Amino acid sequence: IMPGFLKATVEWFKIYKMPDGKPVNEFAFNGEPKNKEFAENIIAGTNESWKKLISGEIDGEGMVMTNTTLKNGESVDIENAGGIIAQLPEMVDELPLPEDVDKWHYVSLK
């Protein structure tokens, strides 16, 4: 549908950190994109791991799992959630962005 789009996307992921003086990113599988089936298998595996984590089947090893929606052992009601949030430090004004944030760089691998 979009000729050259995949190649351009892979190139962008290789070079996007170069303007900051970092090296070209290297990828597994010799930098070759994988197909839809491969991606869907990764997504399915990640989803299964998440299900095991939220069900308590596997240990979250120090992760804070407090939530208001999952109806599991870490769930709290809205009132208790509000109390937890009230204990957090008050938000402060954002700091101004450094001037170089909007600097543009053009890099190309040839």
PDB file of N, CA and C in Angstrom:
ATOM      1  N   ILE A   1       0.819  -1.187   0.000  1.00  0.00           N
ATOM      2  CA  ILE A   1       0.000   0.000   0.000  1.00  0.00           C
ATOM      3  C   ILE A   1       0.864   1.252   0.000  1.00  0.00           C
ATOM      4  N   MET A   2       1.951   1.243   0.766  1.00  0.00           N
ATOM      5  CA  MET A   2       2.831   2.411   0.836  1.00  0.00           C
ATOM      6  C   MET A   2       4.255   1.960   0.518  1.00  0.00           C
ATOM      7  N   PRO A   3       4.619   1.925  -0.734  1.00  0.00           N
ATOM      8  CA  PRO A   3       5.957   1.446  -1.114  1.00  0.00           C
ATOM      9  C   PRO A   3       7.069   2.216  -0.402  1.00  0.00           C
ATOM     10  N   GLY A   4       7.996   1.474   0.158  1.00  0.00           N
ATOM     11  CA  GLY A   4       9.151   2.074   0.821  1.00  0.00           C
ATOM     12  C   GLY A   4       8.913   2.494   2.264  1.00  0.00           C
ATOM     13  N   PHE A   5       7.667   2.415   2.731  1.00  0.00           N
ATOM     14  CA  PHE A   5       7.354   2.887   4.084  1.00  0.00           C
ATOM     15  C   PHE A   5       8.047   2.040   5.150  1.00  0.00           C
ATOM     16  N   LEU A   6       8.029   0.725   5.009  1.00  0.00           N
ATOM     17  CA  LEU A   6       8.657  -0.151   6.000  1.00  0.00           C
ATOM     18  C   LEU A   6      10.160   0.095   6.060  1.00  0.00           C
ATOM     19  N   LYS A   7      10.779   0.201   4.905  1.00  0.00           N
ATOM     20  CA  LYS A   7      12.225   0.452   4.855  1.00  0.00           C
ATOM     21  C   LYS A   7      12.560   1.796   5.505  1.00  0.00           C
ATOM     22  N   ALA A   8      11.756   2.817   5.228  1.00  0.00           N
ATOM     23  CA  ALA A   8      11.988   4.142   5.814  1.00  0.00           C
ATOM     24  C   ALA A   8      11.799   4.110   7.328  1.00  0.00           C
ATOM     25  N   THR A   9      10.822   3.342   7.795  1.00  0.00           N
ATOM     26  CA  THR A   9      10.571   3.245   9.235  1.00  0.00           C
ATOM     27  C   THR A   9      11.750   2.564   9.934  1.00  0.00           C
ATOM     28  N   VAL A  10      12.249   1.477   9.354  1.00  0.00           N
ATOM     29  CA  VAL A  10      13.401   0.777   9.934  1.00  0.00           C
ATOM     30  C   VAL A  10      14.599   1.715   9.960  1.00  0.00           C
ATOM     31  N   GLU A  11      14.817   2.466   8.899  1.00  0.00           N
ATOM     32  CA  GLU A  11      15.949   3.392   8.855  1.00  0.00           C
ATOM     33  C   GLU A  11      15.797   4.460   9.942  1.00  0.00           C
ATOM     34  N   TRP A  12      14.580   4.972  10.123  1.00  0.00           N
ATOM     35  CA  TRP A  12      14.371   5.992  11.146  1.00  0.00           C
ATOM     36  C   TRP A  12      14.735   5.450  12.523  1.00  0.00           C
ATOM     37  N   PHE A  13      14.300   4.215  12.841  1.00  0.00           N
ATOM     38  CA  PHE A  13      14.628   3.632  14.135  1.00  0.00           C
ATOM     39  C   PHE A  13      16.135   3.393  14.274  1.00  0.00           C
ATOM     40  N   LYS A  14      16.838   3.228  13.179  1.00  0.00           N
ATOM     41  CA  LYS A  14      18.285   3.055  13.249  1.00  0.00           C
ATOM     42  C   LYS A  14      18.984   4.367  13.586  1.00  0.00           C
ATOM     43  N   ILE A  15      18.507   5.472  13.033  1.00  0.00           N
ATOM     44  CA  ILE A  15      19.278   6.721  13.094  1.00  0.00           C
ATOM     45  C   ILE A  15      18.731   7.803  14.019  1.00  0.00           C
ATOM     46  N   TYR A  16      17.566   7.615  14.603  1.00  0.00           N
ATOM     47  CA  TYR A  16      16.953   8.744  15.290  1.00  0.00           C
ATOM     48  C   TYR A  16      17.724   9.260  16.506  1.00  0.00           C
ATOM     49  N   LYS A  17      18.633   8.493  17.063  1.00  0.00           N
ATOM     50  CA  LYS A  17      19.418   8.948  18.214  1.00  0.00           C
ATOM     51  C   LYS A  17      20.774   9.522  17.798  1.00  0.00           C
ATOM     52  N   MET A  18      21.117   9.413  16.537  1.00  0.00           N
ATOM     53  CA  MET A  18      22.433   9.856  16.082  1.00  0.00           C
ATOM     54  C   MET A  18      22.703  11.347  16.307  1.00  0.00           C
ATOM     55  N   PRO A  19      21.725  12.234  16.148  1.00  0.00           N
ATOM     56  CA  PRO A  19      22.022  13.656  16.386  1.00  0.00           C
ATOM     57  C   PRO A  19      22.500  13.955  17.803  1.00  0.00           C
ATOM     58  N   ASP A  20      22.180  13.097  18.754  1.00  0.00           N
ATOM     59  CA  ASP A  20      22.645  13.263  20.129  1.00  0.00           C
ATOM     60  C   ASP A  20      24.028  12.651  20.335  1.00  0.00           C
ATOM     61  N   GLY A  21      24.661  12.209  19.241  1.00  0.00           N
ATOM     62  CA  GLY A  21      25.995  11.638  19.329  1.00  0.00           C
ATOM     63  C   GLY A  21      26.010  10.151  19.645  1.00  0.00           C
ATOM     64  N   LYS A  22      24.855   9.522  19.611  1.00  0.00           N
ATOM     65  CA  LYS A  22      24.778   8.088  19.893  1.00  0.00           C
ATOM     66  C   LYS A  22      24.988   7.306  18.600  1.00  0.00           C
ATOM     67  N   PRO A  23      25.420   6.043  18.722  1.00  0.00           N
ATOM     68  CA  PRO A  23      25.662   5.240  17.519  1.00  0.00           C
ATOM     69  C   PRO A  23      24.346   4.779  16.877  1.00  0.00           C
ATOM     70  N   VAL A  24      24.465   4.275  15.671  1.00  0.00           N
ATOM     71  CA  VAL A  24      23.319   3.715  14.961  1.00  0.00           C
ATOM     72  C   VAL A  24      22.771   2.541  15.766  1.00  0.00           C
ATOM     73  N   ASN A  25      21.448   2.472  15.929  1.00  0.00           N
ATOM     74  CA  ASN A  25      20.824   1.340  16.621  1.00  0.00           C
ATOM     75  C   ASN A  25      21.001   0.070  15.803  1.00  0.00           C
ATOM     76  N   GLU A  26      21.227  -1.033  16.487  1.00  0.00           N
ATOM     77  CA  GLU A  26      21.304  -2.331  15.825  1.00  0.00           C
ATOM     78  C   GLU A  26      20.147  -3.177  16.314  1.00  0.00           C
ATOM     79  N   PHE A  27      19.595  -3.994  15.441  1.00  0.00           N
ATOM     80  CA  PHE A  27      18.414  -4.774  15.767  1.00  0.00           C
ATOM     81  C   PHE A  27      18.656  -6.264  15.592  1.00  0.00           C
ATOM     82  N   ALA A  28      17.832  -7.033  16.304  1.00  0.00           N
ATOM     83  CA  ALA A  28      17.875  -8.488  16.171  1.00  0.00           C
ATOM     84  C   ALA A  28      17.425  -8.882  14.769  1.00  0.00           C
ATOM     85  N   PHE A  29      17.622 -10.110  14.436  1.00  0.00           N
ATOM     86  CA  PHE A  29      17.204 -10.668  13.134  1.00  0.00           C
ATOM     87  C   PHE A  29      17.854  -9.924  11.969  1.00  0.00           C
ATOM     88  N   ASN A  30      19.102  -9.487  12.179  1.00  0.00           N
ATOM     89  CA  ASN A  30      19.861  -8.759  11.149  1.00  0.00           C
ATOM     90  C   ASN A  30      19.118  -7.531  10.656  1.00  0.00           C
ATOM     91  N   GLY A  31      18.306  -6.928  11.505  1.00  0.00           N
ATOM     92  CA  GLY A  31      17.589  -5.713  11.145  1.00  0.00           C
ATOM     93  C   GLY A  31      16.408  -5.927  10.207  1.00  0.00           C
ATOM     94  N   GLU A  32      16.082  -7.181   9.938  1.00  0.00           N
ATOM     95  CA  GLU A  32      14.964  -7.464   9.037  1.00  0.00           C
ATOM     96  C   GLU A  32      13.644  -7.440   9.806  1.00  0.00           C
ATOM     97  N   PRO A  33      12.651  -6.715   9.315  1.00  0.00           N
ATOM     98  CA  PRO A  33      11.343  -6.702   9.982  1.00  0.00           C
ATOM     99  C   PRO A  33      10.705  -8.094   9.941  1.00  0.00           C
ATOM    100  N   LYS A  34       9.986  -8.416  10.986  1.00  0.00           N
ATOM    101  CA  LYS A  34       9.292  -9.697  11.044  1.00  0.00           C
ATOM    102  C   LYS A  34       7.860  -9.524  10.529  1.00  0.00           C
ATOM    103  N   ASN A  35       7.193 -10.643  10.258  1.00  0.00           N
ATOM    104  CA  ASN A  35       5.858 -10.582   9.670  1.00  0.00           C
ATOM    105  C   ASN A  35       4.762 -10.432  10.730  1.00  0.00           C
ATOM    106  N   LYS A  36       3.530 -10.305  10.263  1.00  0.00           N
ATOM    107  CA  LYS A  36       2.365 -10.107  11.124  1.00  0.00           C
ATOM    108  C   LYS A  36       2.209 -11.257  12.119  1.00  0.00           C
ATOM    109  N   GLU A  37       2.380 -12.483  11.675  1.00  0.00           N
ATOM    110  CA  GLU A  37       2.218 -13.645  12.551  1.00  0.00           C
ATOM    111  C   GLU A  37       3.210 -13.588  13.717  1.00  0.00           C
ATOM    112  N   PHE A  38       4.447 -13.224  13.431  1.00  0.00           N
ATOM    113  CA  PHE A  38       5.466 -13.102  14.470  1.00  0.00           C
ATOM    114  C   PHE A  38       5.035 -12.057  15.500  1.00  0.00           C
ATOM    115  N   ALA A  39       4.595 -10.896  15.022  1.00  0.00           N
ATOM    116  CA  ALA A  39       4.162  -9.814  15.917  1.00  0.00           C
ATOM    117  C   ALA A  39       2.961 -10.253  16.763  1.00  0.00           C
ATOM    118  N   GLU A  40       2.007 -10.921  16.148  1.00  0.00           N
ATOM    119  CA  GLU A  40       0.827 -11.362  16.887  1.00  0.00           C
ATOM    120  C   GLU A  40       1.191 -12.391  17.960  1.00  0.00           C
ATOM    121  N   ASN A  41       2.166 -13.243  17.688  1.00  0.00           N
ATOM    122  CA  ASN A  41       2.623 -14.215  18.694  1.00  0.00           C
ATOM    123  C   ASN A  41       3.291 -13.510  19.879  1.00  0.00           C
ATOM    124  N   ILE A  42       4.063 -12.466  19.605  1.00  0.00           N
ATOM    125  CA  ILE A  42       4.689 -11.690  20.679  1.00  0.00           C
ATOM    126  C   ILE A  42       3.612 -11.017  21.525  1.00  0.00           C
ATOM    127  N   ILE A  43       2.620 -10.424  20.867  1.00  0.00           N
ATOM    128  CA  ILE A  43       1.527  -9.756  21.578  1.00  0.00           C
ATOM    129  C   ILE A  43       0.754 -10.759  22.431  1.00  0.00           C
ATOM    130  N   ALA A  44       0.450 -11.927  21.886  1.00  0.00           N
ATOM    131  CA  ALA A  44      -0.287 -12.956  22.632  1.00  0.00           C
ATOM    132  C   ALA A  44       0.510 -13.417  23.852  1.00  0.00           C
ATOM    133  N   GLY A  45       1.806 -13.618  23.697  1.00  0.00           N
ATOM    134  CA  GLY A  45       2.649 -14.028  24.818  1.00  0.00           C
ATOM    135  C   GLY A  45       2.712 -12.965  25.907  1.00  0.00           C
ATOM    136  N   THR A  46       2.809 -11.717  25.493  1.00  0.00           N
ATOM    137  CA  THR A  46       2.824 -10.614  26.454  1.00  0.00           C
ATOM    138  C   THR A  46       1.503 -10.535  27.201  1.00  0.00           C
ATOM    139  N   ASN A  47       0.396 -10.723  26.491  1.00  0.00           N
ATOM    140  CA  ASN A  47      -0.929 -10.704  27.111  1.00  0.00           C
ATOM    141  C   ASN A  47      -1.074 -11.835  28.129  1.00  0.00           C
ATOM    142  N   GLU A  48      -0.568 -13.021  27.800  1.00  0.00           N
ATOM    143  CA  GLU A  48      -0.633 -14.147  28.739  1.00  0.00           C
ATOM    144  C   GLU A  48       0.184 -13.843  29.998  1.00  0.00           C
ATOM    145  N   SER A  49       1.347 -13.239  29.831  1.00  0.00           N
ATOM    146  CA  SER A  49       2.163 -12.873  30.990  1.00  0.00           C
ATOM    147  C   SER A  49       1.442 -11.850  31.851  1.00  0.00           C
ATOM    148  N   TRP A  50       0.782 -10.886  31.230  1.00  0.00           N
ATOM    149  CA  TRP A  50       0.030  -9.869  31.975  1.00  0.00           C
ATOM    150  C   TRP A  50      -1.111 -10.520  32.759  1.00  0.00           C
ATOM    151  N   LYS A  51      -1.830 -11.441  32.125  1.00  0.00           N
ATOM    152  CA  LYS A  51      -2.932 -12.125  32.812  1.00  0.00           C
ATOM    153  C   LYS A  51      -2.426 -12.869  34.045  1.00  0.00           C
ATOM    154  N   LYS A  52      -1.284 -13.545  33.907  1.00  0.00           N
ATOM    155  CA  LYS A  52      -0.707 -14.275  35.041  1.00  0.00           C
ATOM    156  C   LYS A  52      -0.281 -13.310  36.143  1.00  0.00           C
ATOM    157  N   LEU A  53       0.246 -12.164  35.758  1.00  0.00           N
ATOM    158  CA  LEU A  53       0.681 -11.167  36.723  1.00  0.00           C
ATOM    159  C   LEU A  53      -0.501 -10.615  37.515  1.00  0.00           C
ATOM    160  N   ILE A  54      -1.570 -10.211  36.832  1.00  0.00           N
ATOM    161  CA  ILE A  54      -2.696  -9.607  37.547  1.00  0.00           C
ATOM    162  C   ILE A  54      -3.516 -10.617  38.328  1.00  0.00           C
ATOM    163  N   SER A  55      -3.443 -11.893  37.941  1.00  0.00           N
ATOM    164  CA  SER A  55      -4.186 -12.925  38.681  1.00  0.00           C
ATOM    165  C   SER A  55      -3.423 -13.387  39.917  1.00  0.00           C
ATOM    166  N   GLY A  56      -2.140 -13.023  40.001  1.00  0.00           N
ATOM    167  CA  GLY A  56      -1.317 -13.448  41.126  1.00  0.00           C
ATOM    168  C   GLY A  56      -0.644 -14.785  40.891  1.00  0.00           C
ATOM    169  N   GLU A  57      -0.822 -15.350  39.704  1.00  0.00           N
ATOM    170  CA  GLU A  57      -0.200 -16.646  39.379  1.00  0.00           C
ATOM    171  C   GLU A  57       1.319 -16.536  39.392  1.00  0.00           C
ATOM    172  N   ILE A  58       1.839 -15.361  39.019  1.00  0.00           N
ATOM    173  CA  ILE A  58       3.280 -15.117  39.108  1.00  0.00           C
ATOM    174  C   ILE A  58       3.510 -13.892  39.985  1.00  0.00           C
ATOM    175  N   ASP A  59       4.667 -13.823  40.607  1.00  0.00           N
ATOM    176  CA  ASP A  59       5.004 -12.746  41.528  1.00  0.00           C
ATOM    177  C   ASP A  59       5.426 -11.503  40.753  1.00  0.00           C
ATOM    178  N   GLY A  60       4.887 -10.353  41.143  1.00  0.00           N
ATOM    179  CA  GLY A  60       5.252  -9.094  40.501  1.00  0.00           C
ATOM    180  C   GLY A  60       6.580  -8.538  40.958  1.00  0.00           C
ATOM    181  N   GLU A  61       7.248  -9.236  41.870  1.00  0.00           N
ATOM    182  CA  GLU A  61       8.585  -8.867  42.342  1.00  0.00           C
ATOM    183  C   GLU A  61       8.739  -7.376  42.627  1.00  0.00           C
ATOM    184  N   GLY A  62       7.921  -6.866  43.552  1.00  0.00           N
ATOM    185  CA  GLY A  62       8.066  -5.479  43.977  1.00  0.00           C
ATOM    186  C   GLY A  62       7.263  -4.463  43.172  1.00  0.00           C
ATOM    187  N   MET A  63       6.552  -4.907  42.153  1.00  0.00           N
ATOM    188  CA  MET A  63       5.737  -3.978  41.369  1.00  0.00           C
ATOM    189  C   MET A  63       4.528  -3.546  42.189  1.00  0.00           C
ATOM    190  N   VAL A  64       4.171  -2.283  42.089  1.00  0.00           N
ATOM    191  CA  VAL A  64       2.963  -1.792  42.742  1.00  0.00           C
ATOM    192  C   VAL A  64       1.793  -2.113  41.822  1.00  0.00           C
ATOM    193  N   MET A  65       0.908  -2.963  42.272  1.00  0.00           N
ATOM    194  CA  MET A  65      -0.193  -3.454  41.439  1.00  0.00           C
ATOM    195  C   MET A  65      -1.547  -2.867  41.857  1.00  0.00           C
ATOM    196  N   THR A  66      -1.534  -1.869  42.728  1.00  0.00           N
ATOM    197  CA  THR A  66      -2.767  -1.269  43.214  1.00  0.00           C
ATOM    198  C   THR A  66      -3.576  -0.736  42.036  1.00  0.00           C
ATOM    199  N   ASN A  67      -4.881  -1.050  42.030  1.00  0.00           N
ATOM    200  CA  ASN A  67      -5.737  -0.656  40.918  1.00  0.00           C
ATOM    201  C   ASN A  67      -7.169  -0.533  41.398  1.00  0.00           C
ATOM    202  N   THR A  68      -8.009   0.075  40.554  1.00  0.00           N
ATOM    203  CA  THR A  68      -9.431   0.207  40.891  1.00  0.00           C
ATOM    204  C   THR A  68     -10.325  -0.577  39.935  1.00  0.00           C
ATOM    205  N   THR A  69      -9.753  -1.310  39.003  1.00  0.00           N
ATOM    206  CA  THR A  69     -10.576  -1.923  37.959  1.00  0.00           C
ATOM    207  C   THR A  69     -10.473  -3.429  37.813  1.00  0.00           C
ATOM    208  N   LEU A  70      -9.421  -4.058  38.294  1.00  0.00           N
ATOM    209  CA  LEU A  70      -9.181  -5.462  37.978  1.00  0.00           C
ATOM    210  C   LEU A  70      -9.895  -6.451  38.892  1.00  0.00           C
ATOM    211  N   LYS A  71     -10.403  -6.005  40.006  1.00  0.00           N
ATOM    212  CA  LYS A  71     -11.111  -6.880  40.949  1.00  0.00           C
ATOM    213  C   LYS A  71     -10.245  -8.077  41.362  1.00  0.00           C
ATOM    214  N   ASN A  72      -8.992  -7.769  41.704  1.00  0.00           N
ATOM    215  CA  ASN A  72      -8.094  -8.815  42.188  1.00  0.00           C
ATOM    216  C   ASN A  72      -7.608  -8.451  43.591  1.00  0.00           C
ATOM    217  N   GLY A  73      -6.665  -9.161  44.116  1.00  0.00           N
ATOM    218  CA  GLY A  73      -6.187  -8.931  45.474  1.00  0.00           C
ATOM    219  C   GLY A  73      -5.558  -7.570  45.698  1.00  0.00           C
ATOM    220  N   GLU A  74      -5.185  -6.880  44.637  1.00  0.00           N
ATOM    221  CA  GLU A  74      -4.550  -5.563  44.753  1.00  0.00           C
ATOM    222  C   GLU A  74      -5.536  -4.422  44.521  1.00  0.00           C
ATOM    223  N   SER A  75      -6.799  -4.755  44.256  1.00  0.00           N
ATOM    224  CA  SER A  75      -7.800  -3.733  43.952  1.00  0.00           C
ATOM    225  C   SER A  75      -8.205  -2.962  45.198  1.00  0.00           C
ATOM    226  N   VAL A  76      -8.464  -1.670  45.024  1.00  0.00           N
ATOM    227  CA  VAL A  76      -8.990  -0.811  46.078  1.00  0.00           C
ATOM    228  C   VAL A  76     -10.218  -0.091  45.525  1.00  0.00           C
ATOM    229  N   ASP A  77     -11.093   0.355  46.422  1.00  0.00           N
ATOM    230  CA  ASP A  77     -12.252   1.099  45.943  1.00  0.00           C
ATOM    231  C   ASP A  77     -11.846   2.553  45.663  1.00  0.00           C
ATOM    232  N   ILE A  78     -12.749   3.295  45.062  1.00  0.00           N
ATOM    233  CA  ILE A  78     -12.446   4.667  44.644  1.00  0.00           C
ATOM    234  C   ILE A  78     -12.082   5.549  45.846  1.00  0.00           C
ATOM    235  N   GLU A  79     -12.775   5.376  46.965  1.00  0.00           N
ATOM    236  CA  GLU A  79     -12.475   6.191  48.148  1.00  0.00           C
ATOM    237  C   GLU A  79     -11.055   5.946  48.643  1.00  0.00           C
ATOM    238  N   ASN A  80     -10.658   4.673  48.739  1.00  0.00           N
ATOM    239  CA  ASN A  80      -9.294   4.360  49.180  1.00  0.00           C
ATOM    240  C   ASN A  80      -8.261   4.851  48.163  1.00  0.00           C
ATOM    241  N   ALA A  81      -8.594   4.762  46.884  1.00  0.00           N
ATOM    242  CA  ALA A  81      -7.685   5.265  45.854  1.00  0.00           C
ATOM    243  C   ALA A  81      -7.488   6.771  46.026  1.00  0.00           C
ATOM    244  N   GLY A  82      -8.585   7.470  46.320  1.00  0.00           N
ATOM    245  CA  GLY A  82      -8.483   8.912  46.554  1.00  0.00           C
ATOM    246  C   GLY A  82      -7.583   9.226  47.736  1.00  0.00           C
ATOM    247  N   GLY A  83      -7.660   8.407  48.783  1.00  0.00           N
ATOM    248  CA  GLY A  83      -6.792   8.600  49.943  1.00  0.00           C
ATOM    249  C   GLY A  83      -5.327   8.385  49.603  1.00  0.00           C
ATOM    250  N   ILE A  84      -5.060   7.393  48.778  1.00  0.00           N
ATOM    251  CA  ILE A  84      -3.677   7.128  48.349  1.00  0.00           C
ATOM    252  C   ILE A  84      -3.147   8.314  47.554  1.00  0.00           C
ATOM    253  N   ILE A  85      -3.961   8.815  46.642  1.00  0.00           N
ATOM    254  CA  ILE A  85      -3.540   9.943  45.809  1.00  0.00           C
ATOM    255  C   ILE A  85      -3.333  11.190  46.662  1.00  0.00           C
ATOM    256  N   ALA A  86      -4.194  11.398  47.660  1.00  0.00           N
ATOM    257  CA  ALA A  86      -4.071  12.571  48.528  1.00  0.00           C
ATOM    258  C   ALA A  86      -2.743  12.572  49.292  1.00  0.00           C
ATOM    259  N   GLN A  87      -2.153  11.405  49.504  1.00  0.00           N
ATOM    260  CA  GLN A  87      -0.881  11.318  50.231  1.00  0.00           C
ATOM    261  C   GLN A  87       0.326  11.662  49.361  1.00  0.00           C
ATOM    262  N   LEU A  88       0.128  11.742  48.051  1.00  0.00           N
ATOM    263  CA  LEU A  88       1.245  12.052  47.149  1.00  0.00           C
ATOM    264  C   LEU A  88       1.638  13.520  47.279  1.00  0.00           C
ATOM    265  N   PRO A  89       2.895  13.852  47.004  1.00  0.00           N
ATOM    266  CA  PRO A  89       3.311  15.253  47.063  1.00  0.00           C
ATOM    267  C   PRO A  89       2.530  16.083  46.040  1.00  0.00           C
ATOM    268  N   GLU A  90       2.323  17.346  46.379  1.00  0.00           N
ATOM    269  CA  GLU A  90       1.590  18.232  45.496  1.00  0.00           C
ATOM    270  C   GLU A  90       2.400  18.480  44.222  1.00  0.00           C
ATOM    271  N   MET A  91       1.693  18.578  43.112  1.00  0.00           N
ATOM    272  CA  MET A  91       2.379  18.842  41.840  1.00  0.00           C
ATOM    273  C   MET A  91       2.919  20.266  41.840  1.00  0.00           C
ATOM    274  N   VAL A  92       4.062  20.436  41.220  1.00  0.00           N
ATOM    275  CA  VAL A  92       4.671  21.773  41.119  1.00  0.00           C
ATOM    276  C   VAL A  92       4.645  22.217  39.670  1.00  0.00           C
ATOM    277  N   ASP A  93       4.944  23.492  39.452  1.00  0.00           N
ATOM    278  CA  ASP A  93       4.980  24.015  38.085  1.00  0.00           C
ATOM    279  C   ASP A  93       6.045  23.294  37.272  1.00  0.00           C
ATOM    280  N   GLU A  94       5.748  23.109  35.987  1.00  0.00           N
ATOM    281  CA  GLU A  94       6.715  22.462  35.104  1.00  0.00           C
ATOM    282  C   GLU A  94       7.899  23.388  34.866  1.00  0.00           C
ATOM    283  N   LEU A  95       9.072  22.799  34.729  1.00  0.00           N
ATOM    284  CA  LEU A  95      10.258  23.577  34.397  1.00  0.00           C
ATOM    285  C   LEU A  95      10.236  23.911  32.919  1.00  0.00           C
ATOM    286  N   PRO A  96      10.823  25.028  32.511  1.00  0.00           N
ATOM    287  CA  PRO A  96      10.862  25.354  31.087  1.00  0.00           C
ATOM    288  C   PRO A  96      11.743  24.355  30.333  1.00  0.00           C
ATOM    289  N   LEU A  97      11.407  24.105  29.080  1.00  0.00           N
ATOM    290  CA  LEU A  97      12.203  23.199  28.259  1.00  0.00           C
ATOM    291  C   LEU A  97      13.502  23.865  27.847  1.00  0.00           C
ATOM    292  N   PRO A  98      14.592  23.103  27.761  1.00  0.00           N
ATOM    293  CA  PRO A  98      15.851  23.675  27.276  1.00  0.00           C
ATOM    294  C   PRO A  98      15.691  24.145  25.825  1.00  0.00           C
ATOM    295  N   GLU A  99      16.487  25.131  25.446  1.00  0.00           N
ATOM    296  CA  GLU A  99      16.372  25.701  24.098  1.00  0.00           C
ATOM    297  C   GLU A  99      16.634  24.680  22.997  1.00  0.00           C
ATOM    298  N   ASP A 100      17.482  23.689  23.244  1.00  0.00           N
ATOM    299  CA  ASP A 100      17.827  22.730  22.192  1.00  0.00           C
ATOM    300  C   ASP A 100      16.748  21.671  21.962  1.00  0.00           C
ATOM    301  N   VAL A 101      15.647  21.698  22.712  1.00  0.00           N
ATOM    302  CA  VAL A 101      14.588  20.709  22.539  1.00  0.00           C
ATOM    303  C   VAL A 101      13.985  20.796  21.142  1.00  0.00           C
ATOM    304  N   ASP A 102      13.849  21.993  20.612  1.00  0.00           N
ATOM    305  CA  ASP A 102      13.230  22.164  19.300  1.00  0.00           C
ATOM    306  C   ASP A 102      14.236  22.169  18.151  1.00  0.00           C
ATOM    307  N   LYS A 103      15.461  21.785  18.412  1.00  0.00           N
ATOM    308  CA  LYS A 103      16.488  21.752  17.380  1.00  0.00           C
ATOM    309  C   LYS A 103      16.249  20.582  16.442  1.00  0.00           C
ATOM    310  N   TRP A 104      16.307  20.820  15.162  1.00  0.00           N
ATOM    311  CA  TRP A 104      16.077  19.778  14.162  1.00  0.00           C
ATOM    312  C   TRP A 104      17.404  19.279  13.611  1.00  0.00           C
ATOM    313  N   HIS A 105      17.451  17.960  13.339  1.00  0.00           N
ATOM    314  CA  HIS A 105      18.650  17.368  12.751  1.00  0.00           C
ATOM    315  C   HIS A 105      18.205  16.515  11.561  1.00  0.00           C
ATOM    316  N   TYR A 106      19.030  16.475  10.553  1.00  0.00           N
ATOM    317  CA  TYR A 106      18.744  15.629   9.383  1.00  0.00           C
ATOM    318  C   TYR A 106      19.902  14.666   9.203  1.00  0.00           C
ATOM    319  N   VAL A 107      19.604  13.396   9.278  1.00  0.00           N
ATOM    320  CA  VAL A 107      20.629  12.363   9.184  1.00  0.00           C
ATOM    321  C   VAL A 107      20.146  11.323   8.178  1.00  0.00           C
ATOM    322  N   SER A 108      21.048  10.780   7.413  1.00  0.00           N
ATOM    323  CA  SER A 108      20.674   9.744   6.471  1.00  0.00           C
ATOM    324  C   SER A 108      21.787   8.712   6.380  1.00  0.00           C
ATOM    325  N   LEU A 109      21.412   7.438   6.402  1.00  0.00           N
ATOM    326  CA  LEU A 109      22.380   6.373   6.152  1.00  0.00           C
ATOM    327  C   LEU A 109      22.447   6.189   4.645  1.00  0.00           C
ATOM    328  N   LYS A 110      23.614   6.157   4.108  1.00  0.00           N
ATOM    329  CA  LYS A 110      23.718   5.997   2.654  1.00  0.00           C
ATOM    330  C   LYS A 110      24.323   4.675   2.299  1.00  0.00           C
TER     331      LYS A 110
END
